[in-house]
Amino acid sequence: MKLPRGKYLGERVGAPPADEAEHFIKCPECGGWIDCRDLAAVFEHQGPLPHPEADRPQ
């Protein structure tokens, strides 16, 4: 089952982020950036390469 991106969004617990960059992590496999607030984006990076084109460095 594939989740649609942007549908399941998380909310931060605790102190607010210093800036927008704190919501993202870099995938060690493909080098793309993952918005950790978007559950679908996180799940797409759990599978084998290639990862989603939208997350790869431009």
C-alpha atoms as a PDB file:
ATOM      1  CA  MET A   1       0.000   0.000   0.000  1.00  0.00           C
ATOM      2  CA  LYS A   2       1.336   3.423  -0.923  1.00  0.00           C
ATOM      3  CA  LEU A   3       0.407   6.438   1.192  1.00  0.00           C
ATOM      4  CA  PRO A   4      -0.287   9.728  -0.596  1.00  0.00           C
ATOM      5  CA  ARG A   5       2.248  12.432   0.194  1.00  0.00           C
ATOM      6  CA  GLY A   6       1.031  15.367   2.207  1.00  0.00           C
ATOM      7  CA  LYS A   7      -1.962  13.536   3.715  1.00  0.00           C
ATOM      8  CA  TYR A   8      -0.525  12.285   7.029  1.00  0.00           C
ATOM      9  CA  LEU A   9       1.388  15.148   8.599  1.00  0.00           C
ATOM     10  CA  GLY A  10       2.928  15.030  12.048  1.00  0.00           C
ATOM     11  CA  GLU A  11       3.137  17.746  14.640  1.00  0.00           C
ATOM     12  CA  ARG A  12       6.227  18.536  16.674  1.00  0.00           C
ATOM     13  CA  VAL A  13       6.168  17.771  20.396  1.00  0.00           C
ATOM     14  CA  GLY A  14       8.156  20.083  22.641  1.00  0.00           C
ATOM     15  CA  ALA A  15       9.908  23.316  21.813  1.00  0.00           C
ATOM     16  CA  PRO A  16       9.308  24.869  18.393  1.00  0.00           C
ATOM     17  CA  PRO A  17      12.077  24.394  15.804  1.00  0.00           C
ATOM     18  CA  ALA A  18      14.708  27.080  15.428  1.00  0.00           C
ATOM     19  CA  ASP A  19      14.053  27.060  11.658  1.00  0.00           C
ATOM     20  CA  GLU A  20      12.386  25.035   8.902  1.00  0.00           C
ATOM     21  CA  ALA A  21      15.534  22.956   8.330  1.00  0.00           C
ATOM     22  CA  GLU A  22      15.009  21.049  11.583  1.00  0.00           C
ATOM     23  CA  HIS A  23      12.112  19.176   9.951  1.00  0.00           C
ATOM     24  CA  PHE A  24      14.400  17.526   7.377  1.00  0.00           C
ATOM     25  CA  ILE A  25      16.987  14.746   7.455  1.00  0.00           C
ATOM     26  CA  LYS A  26      19.319  13.593   4.696  1.00  0.00           C
ATOM     27  CA  CYS A  27      18.849  10.026   3.428  1.00  0.00           C
ATOM     28  CA  PRO A  28      22.142   8.134   3.832  1.00  0.00           C
ATOM     29  CA  GLU A  29      21.341   5.945   0.813  1.00  0.00           C
ATOM     30  CA  CYS A  30      20.354   8.407  -1.936  1.00  0.00           C
ATOM     31  CA  GLY A  31      21.402  11.768  -0.470  1.00  0.00           C
ATOM     32  CA  GLY A  32      17.884  13.166  -0.806  1.00  0.00           C
ATOM     33  CA  TRP A  33      16.163  15.262   1.853  1.00  0.00           C
ATOM     34  CA  ILE A  34      13.210  13.813   3.764  1.00  0.00           C
ATOM     35  CA  ASP A  35      10.519  15.961   5.387  1.00  0.00           C
ATOM     36  CA  CYS A  36      10.002  14.037   8.632  1.00  0.00           C
ATOM     37  CA  ARG A  37       6.583  15.630   9.138  1.00  0.00           C
ATOM     38  CA  ASP A  38       5.273  13.723   6.087  1.00  0.00           C
ATOM     39  CA  LEU A  39       4.771  10.039   6.949  1.00  0.00           C
ATOM     40  CA  ALA A  40       4.525   9.006   3.279  1.00  0.00           C
ATOM     41  CA  ALA A  41       7.901  10.613   2.488  1.00  0.00           C
ATOM     42  CA  VAL A  42       9.508   8.763   5.394  1.00  0.00           C
ATOM     43  CA  PHE A  43       8.034   5.414   4.341  1.00  0.00           C
ATOM     44  CA  GLU A  44       9.144   5.870   0.708  1.00  0.00           C
ATOM     45  CA  HIS A  45      12.743   6.057   1.926  1.00  0.00           C
ATOM     46  CA  GLN A  46      12.477   2.751   3.802  1.00  0.00           C
ATOM     47  CA  GLY A  47      12.453   0.730   0.573  1.00  0.00           C
ATOM     48  CA  PRO A  48      15.215  -0.176  -1.859  1.00  0.00           C
ATOM     49  CA  LEU A  49      16.877   2.292  -4.213  1.00  0.00           C
ATOM     50  CA  PRO A  50      15.985   4.240  -6.279  1.00  0.00           C
ATOM     51  CA  HIS A  51      14.191   6.519  -3.865  1.00  0.00           C
ATOM     52  CA  PRO A  52      11.653   9.137  -5.034  1.00  0.00           C
ATOM     53  CA  GLU A  53      12.934  11.517  -7.682  1.00  0.00           C
ATOM     54  CA  ALA A  54      11.379  14.495  -5.859  1.00  0.00           C
ATOM     55  CA  ASP A  55      13.683  14.021  -2.851  1.00  0.00           C
ATOM     56  CA  ARG A  56      16.981  13.690  -4.704  1.00  0.00           C
ATOM     57  CA  PRO A  57      19.448  16.575  -4.807  1.00  0.00           C
ATOM     58  CA  GLN A  58      18.766  18.962  -7.700  1.00  0.00           C
END
